[in-house]
Amino acid sequence: MVTLHLDDQLESLLHLTNQPVETAAREMIVLELYRRELISSGKAAELLSMDRMEFIRFSSKLGIPFFDMSEDELRSDLETLRNLG
């Protein structure tokens, strides 16, 4: 267990989420770890007590894409799929 000391301003901002500060902070930490690709969607879901699809929808609504591909990667994958058919 880690104790995190927040200044009054940051604590006030976290209250804007209408969640307990600990819940809001945990959610933001997990989302950032996922966004940085340090944890999988499955692990993030587990840490937030959600099922994986619920987490994917939740993070997508917050602007964190499930698929993060460059245009070149997408083109390459589409070409591979065309060649399989």
N, C-alpha and C. Protein backbone atom coordinates (compact mmCIF):
# COMPACT_ATOMS: atom_id res chain seq x y z
N MET A 1 0.86 -1.17 0.00
CA MET A 1 0.00 0.00 0.00
C MET A 1 0.90 1.23 0.00
N VAL A 2 0.56 2.18 -0.83
CA VAL A 2 1.30 3.42 -0.94
C VAL A 2 0.39 4.56 -0.52
N THR A 3 0.94 5.48 0.23
CA THR A 3 0.19 6.67 0.61
C THR A 3 0.62 7.80 -0.31
N LEU A 4 -0.36 8.45 -0.88
CA LEU A 4 -0.09 9.53 -1.82
C LEU A 4 -0.56 10.83 -1.19
N HIS A 5 0.32 11.80 -1.13
CA HIS A 5 -0.02 13.10 -0.55
C HIS A 5 -0.32 14.07 -1.68
N LEU A 6 -1.53 14.58 -1.70
CA LEU A 6 -1.95 15.51 -2.74
C LEU A 6 -2.14 16.90 -2.14
N ASP A 7 -1.74 17.92 -2.89
CA ASP A 7 -1.99 19.26 -2.38
C ASP A 7 -3.49 19.56 -2.50
N ASP A 8 -3.93 20.58 -1.82
CA ASP A 8 -5.36 20.91 -1.75
C ASP A 8 -5.96 21.16 -3.14
N GLN A 9 -5.20 21.81 -3.99
CA GLN A 9 -5.70 22.12 -5.32
C GLN A 9 -5.97 20.85 -6.13
N LEU A 10 -5.04 19.92 -6.12
CA LEU A 10 -5.22 18.68 -6.86
C LEU A 10 -6.36 17.84 -6.26
N GLU A 11 -6.42 17.80 -4.96
CA GLU A 11 -7.51 17.08 -4.31
C GLU A 11 -8.87 17.66 -4.69
N SER A 12 -8.95 18.99 -4.73
CA SER A 12 -10.20 19.65 -5.14
C SER A 12 -10.57 19.29 -6.57
N LEU A 13 -9.57 19.25 -7.44
CA LEU A 13 -9.82 18.89 -8.83
C LEU A 13 -10.32 17.45 -8.96
N LEU A 14 -9.75 16.56 -8.17
CA LEU A 14 -10.20 15.16 -8.21
C LEU A 14 -11.64 15.02 -7.72
N HIS A 15 -12.07 15.89 -6.84
CA HIS A 15 -13.46 15.86 -6.37
C HIS A 15 -14.43 16.20 -7.51
N LEU A 16 -13.96 16.86 -8.54
CA LEU A 16 -14.81 17.20 -9.69
C LEU A 16 -15.31 15.96 -10.42
N THR A 17 -14.66 14.82 -10.20
CA THR A 17 -15.07 13.58 -10.86
C THR A 17 -16.30 12.97 -10.20
N ASN A 18 -16.72 13.55 -9.07
CA ASN A 18 -17.85 13.02 -8.29
C ASN A 18 -17.61 11.59 -7.83
N GLN A 19 -16.35 11.29 -7.56
CA GLN A 19 -15.94 9.99 -7.03
C GLN A 19 -15.08 10.25 -5.81
N PRO A 20 -14.95 9.26 -4.95
CA PRO A 20 -13.95 9.41 -3.87
C PRO A 20 -12.58 9.66 -4.49
N VAL A 21 -11.77 10.46 -3.85
CA VAL A 21 -10.45 10.83 -4.38
C VAL A 21 -9.63 9.59 -4.70
N GLU A 22 -9.64 8.60 -3.82
CA GLU A 22 -8.86 7.37 -4.05
C GLU A 22 -9.31 6.66 -5.32
N THR A 23 -10.61 6.60 -5.55
CA THR A 23 -11.15 5.94 -6.74
C THR A 23 -10.74 6.69 -7.99
N ALA A 24 -10.89 8.01 -7.98
CA ALA A 24 -10.53 8.83 -9.14
C ALA A 24 -9.04 8.71 -9.45
N ALA A 25 -8.21 8.76 -8.42
CA ALA A 25 -6.76 8.66 -8.63
C ALA A 25 -6.39 7.28 -9.18
N ARG A 26 -6.96 6.22 -8.63
CA ARG A 26 -6.67 4.86 -9.11
C ARG A 26 -7.07 4.72 -10.58
N GLU A 27 -8.25 5.21 -10.91
CA GLU A 27 -8.74 5.14 -12.28
C GLU A 27 -7.79 5.87 -13.24
N MET A 28 -7.36 7.05 -12.86
CA MET A 28 -6.48 7.83 -13.72
C MET A 28 -5.11 7.18 -13.88
N ILE A 29 -4.61 6.58 -12.82
CA ILE A 29 -3.32 5.89 -12.89
C ILE A 29 -3.42 4.69 -13.83
N VAL A 30 -4.46 3.89 -13.66
CA VAL A 30 -4.63 2.70 -14.51
C VAL A 30 -4.82 3.12 -15.97
N LEU A 31 -5.63 4.13 -16.23
CA LEU A 31 -5.84 4.59 -17.60
C LEU A 31 -4.53 5.07 -18.23
N GLU A 32 -3.72 5.76 -17.47
CA GLU A 32 -2.45 6.25 -18.02
C GLU A 32 -1.48 5.10 -18.29
N LEU A 33 -1.45 4.11 -17.41
CA LEU A 33 -0.60 2.94 -17.65
C LEU A 33 -1.03 2.22 -18.92
N TYR A 34 -2.34 2.11 -19.12
CA TYR A 34 -2.88 1.48 -20.32
C TYR A 34 -2.56 2.33 -21.56
N ARG A 35 -2.77 3.63 -21.46
CA ARG A 35 -2.50 4.52 -22.60
C ARG A 35 -1.04 4.44 -23.03
N ARG A 36 -0.14 4.29 -22.06
CA ARG A 36 1.29 4.17 -22.35
C ARG A 36 1.70 2.77 -22.78
N GLU A 37 0.71 1.87 -22.85
CA GLU A 37 0.92 0.48 -23.24
C GLU A 37 1.82 -0.27 -22.29
N LEU A 38 1.75 0.09 -20.99
CA LEU A 38 2.51 -0.61 -19.97
C LEU A 38 1.71 -1.75 -19.36
N ILE A 39 0.39 -1.73 -19.53
CA ILE A 39 -0.47 -2.83 -19.11
C ILE A 39 -1.48 -3.10 -20.22
N SER A 40 -2.00 -4.31 -20.24
CA SER A 40 -2.98 -4.70 -21.25
C SER A 40 -4.38 -4.22 -20.85
N SER A 41 -5.30 -4.29 -21.80
CA SER A 41 -6.69 -3.94 -21.49
C SER A 41 -7.26 -4.90 -20.45
N GLY A 42 -6.85 -6.16 -20.52
CA GLY A 42 -7.32 -7.14 -19.54
C GLY A 42 -6.84 -6.81 -18.14
N LYS A 43 -5.57 -6.44 -18.01
CA LYS A 43 -5.01 -6.08 -16.69
C LYS A 43 -5.66 -4.80 -16.18
N ALA A 44 -5.84 -3.82 -17.06
CA ALA A 44 -6.48 -2.57 -16.66
C ALA A 44 -7.90 -2.84 -16.16
N ALA A 45 -8.63 -3.69 -16.88
CA ALA A 45 -9.99 -4.04 -16.48
C ALA A 45 -9.98 -4.70 -15.11
N GLU A 46 -9.06 -5.60 -14.91
CA GLU A 46 -8.94 -6.29 -13.62
C GLU A 46 -8.67 -5.29 -12.50
N LEU A 47 -7.76 -4.37 -12.73
CA LEU A 47 -7.40 -3.39 -11.69
C LEU A 47 -8.56 -2.46 -11.36
N LEU A 48 -9.47 -2.25 -12.33
CA LEU A 48 -10.62 -1.38 -12.09
C LEU A 48 -11.91 -2.17 -11.82
N SER A 49 -11.76 -3.48 -11.63
CA SER A 49 -12.89 -4.36 -11.33
C SER A 49 -13.98 -4.28 -12.40
N MET A 50 -13.56 -4.33 -13.65
CA MET A 50 -14.47 -4.32 -14.80
C MET A 50 -14.17 -5.55 -15.63
N ASP A 51 -15.12 -5.91 -16.50
CA ASP A 51 -14.74 -6.92 -17.48
C ASP A 51 -14.03 -6.19 -18.63
N ARG A 52 -13.34 -6.95 -19.45
CA ARG A 52 -12.46 -6.36 -20.47
C ARG A 52 -13.23 -5.48 -21.45
N MET A 53 -14.37 -5.95 -21.95
CA MET A 53 -15.13 -5.15 -22.92
C MET A 53 -15.66 -3.87 -22.29
N GLU A 54 -16.06 -3.94 -21.04
CA GLU A 54 -16.52 -2.74 -20.34
C GLU A 54 -15.38 -1.72 -20.26
N PHE A 55 -14.17 -2.20 -19.95
CA PHE A 55 -13.02 -1.30 -19.88
C PHE A 55 -12.71 -0.69 -21.25
N ILE A 56 -12.75 -1.50 -22.30
CA ILE A 56 -12.46 -1.00 -23.65
C ILE A 56 -13.44 0.10 -24.03
N ARG A 57 -14.72 -0.10 -23.75
CA ARG A 57 -15.73 0.94 -24.04
C ARG A 57 -15.48 2.18 -23.18
N PHE A 58 -15.18 1.97 -21.90
CA PHE A 58 -14.92 3.07 -20.97
C PHE A 58 -13.73 3.91 -21.42
N SER A 59 -12.62 3.25 -21.73
CA SER A 59 -11.42 4.00 -22.13
C SER A 59 -11.62 4.67 -23.49
N SER A 60 -12.36 4.02 -24.38
CA SER A 60 -12.63 4.63 -25.69
C SER A 60 -13.44 5.91 -25.55
N LYS A 61 -14.42 5.91 -24.64
CA LYS A 61 -15.21 7.12 -24.40
C LYS A 61 -14.35 8.27 -23.88
N LEU A 62 -13.24 7.92 -23.24
CA LEU A 62 -12.32 8.94 -22.72
C LEU A 62 -11.23 9.31 -23.73
N GLY A 63 -11.35 8.78 -24.95
CA GLY A 63 -10.41 9.14 -26.01
C GLY A 63 -9.16 8.29 -26.07
N ILE A 64 -9.16 7.15 -25.39
CA ILE A 64 -8.01 6.26 -25.43
C ILE A 64 -8.37 5.11 -26.35
N PRO A 65 -7.79 5.05 -27.54
CA PRO A 65 -8.19 4.05 -28.52
C PRO A 65 -7.74 2.64 -28.14
N PHE A 66 -8.56 1.66 -28.50
CA PHE A 66 -8.17 0.26 -28.29
C PHE A 66 -7.13 -0.13 -29.32
N PHE A 67 -7.36 0.26 -30.57
CA PHE A 67 -6.39 0.01 -31.64
C PHE A 67 -5.59 1.29 -31.84
N ASP A 68 -4.29 1.17 -31.81
CA ASP A 68 -3.43 2.33 -31.99
C ASP A 68 -2.42 1.99 -33.09
N MET A 69 -2.87 2.13 -34.33
CA MET A 69 -2.03 1.78 -35.47
C MET A 69 -1.74 3.01 -36.32
N SER A 70 -0.56 3.01 -36.87
CA SER A 70 -0.24 4.07 -37.83
C SER A 70 -0.95 3.73 -39.15
N GLU A 71 -1.01 4.69 -40.05
CA GLU A 71 -1.62 4.44 -41.35
C GLU A 71 -0.86 3.34 -42.10
N ASP A 72 0.45 3.34 -41.99
CA ASP A 72 1.25 2.32 -42.68
C ASP A 72 0.97 0.93 -42.12
N GLU A 73 0.84 0.82 -40.79
CA GLU A 73 0.52 -0.47 -40.19
C GLU A 73 -0.85 -0.95 -40.64
N LEU A 74 -1.82 -0.05 -40.68
CA LEU A 74 -3.16 -0.40 -41.12
C LEU A 74 -3.15 -0.87 -42.58
N ARG A 75 -2.47 -0.12 -43.44
CA ARG A 75 -2.37 -0.50 -44.86
C ARG A 75 -1.74 -1.89 -45.01
N SER A 76 -0.68 -2.13 -44.27
CA SER A 76 0.01 -3.41 -44.33
C SER A 76 -0.91 -4.55 -43.88
N ASP A 77 -1.64 -4.35 -42.80
CA ASP A 77 -2.56 -5.37 -42.31
C ASP A 77 -3.69 -5.62 -43.30
N LEU A 78 -4.22 -4.56 -43.89
CA LEU A 78 -5.28 -4.71 -44.89
C LEU A 78 -4.76 -5.46 -46.12
N GLU A 79 -3.56 -5.16 -46.53
CA GLU A 79 -2.97 -5.85 -47.67
C GLU A 79 -2.77 -7.35 -47.35
N THR A 80 -2.34 -7.63 -46.16
CA THR A 80 -2.18 -9.04 -45.74
C THR A 80 -3.52 -9.76 -45.78
N LEU A 81 -4.57 -9.11 -45.29
CA LEU A 81 -5.90 -9.72 -45.31
C LEU A 81 -6.40 -9.94 -46.74
N ARG A 82 -6.15 -8.99 -47.62
CA ARG A 82 -6.54 -9.14 -49.04
C ARG A 82 -5.83 -10.35 -49.67
N ASN A 83 -4.57 -10.52 -49.33
CA ASN A 83 -3.79 -11.62 -49.91
C ASN A 83 -4.22 -12.98 -49.37
N LEU A 84 -4.82 -13.01 -48.22
CA LEU A 84 -5.31 -14.27 -47.65
C LEU A 84 -6.57 -14.75 -48.35
N GLY A 85 -7.37 -13.81 -48.89
CA GLY A 85 -8.66 -14.14 -49.50
C GLY A 85 -8.53 -14.51 -50.89
